[in-house]
Amino acid sequence: MPMPETMRAMLLERPKQALRLVEVPLPRPEPNQILIRVHACGVCRTDLHILDGELTEPKLPLIPGHEIVGRVVQTGEKVENFRVGDRVGVPWVASTCGYCRYCKAGQENLCDNARFTGYTVNGGFAEYTVADAGFGFHLAEGPGDAESAPLMCAGLIGYRSYRMAGKDARTLGLYGFGAAAHILTQLAIYEKRKVFAFTRPGDAKGQEFARRLGAVWAGGSDIEPPEALDAAIIFAPVGALIPLALRAISKGGAVVCGGIYMNDIPSFPYSLLWEERVLRSVANLTRRDGEEFLSIAPKVPVKTQVQVYLLEQANEALHDVRNGKIEGAAVLSMGGS
């Protein structure tokens, strides 16, 4: 089947401007890359941080989007792990160098020379994209493309955050009940943990959504939970949540910051951290994280709730994510299942 010469894409030309629908040349895969017909791409809060200039080193002009699901339509000459027709998922980490001290230590998520999908290389807010074949994930036939897209970031980086919270954490607080939290709630319940959901104060709709998914308690982030937490994960980019979460966890517990950006953290008394409480961040993901999560997700089974937009509605989708109007995840659909 002949490839088109051009494709439609949503383009970011400079921060703090709306994306623009453009016609651009079809990308050509390099020897180690695959060309993908994009069927769906999730809309993530990280995309907002890029648009708002809070992540300061984007490739410009840029096609955003890093929760990509589609089909391989062409392979580079050195690609051996994908064939035309394979279903593929593309995550945030586009590639790593393989030779820095972090890569050699099995910490490729901290690679000094990593590239990132939809940030330092073009992403999936387009009809086609190219990706390094070594960093794509084979996806089984099953859930639809729109339903699978949020797994590529909300699921994968959420899963890394979940693991950092500790395997012995039986009571788990989730601050910011969006795409990642609605996925992790299902996983935590499958593993017989109790989930406490924290939303924006007054967000009764979000709290009801959390309870429908199985949270034992849901309330505003300004309210202490009815019992001490073993661990908490913060997905909302709000630094003021850190002392609140530290106050909510028990001795020896962990607070994990799961986002790529957070506004300033206010000062807090050392007593909140004392008694061996741990505060840590999570950066990116490893391919092992992805393999583990994509193996366990069908067993749960994880069922994402999505609100679907057309490619040209990307700005509307971003607006709705920014304003907390989404239950679950927002996804752009370019066709497919």
Foldseek 3Di string as FASTA:
>chain_A
DDDDQWWWAFWDADAPDGTDIDIGGQDDDAQQKFKWQWFKFFDDVVLVCQNNCVPPQFDHRAGATFLTWTFTCDHHNNYDPDDGGFIKTGGFWQDADCPDPCNVVVNRLPGPDIDTDRGHHHHDLIRMDMGRNVRIDGADPDDWRQFRRLCRYLVLLLLVLVVVQDPPWQEEEEEDCEQNNLQVLLVSVLVNHAYEYEYAAPPPVSQVLSVVSPHPYYHHLVDADPAATQEYEYADQEQQSVLSNLQRHDQLGEYEYRDPHHPDHDDDDCVSCPNNYYYYYGGGHDVVSVVVRSVCCVVSVGGFDEDEDESVCVSVQSVCVVVVVDHHTYMYGPRTD
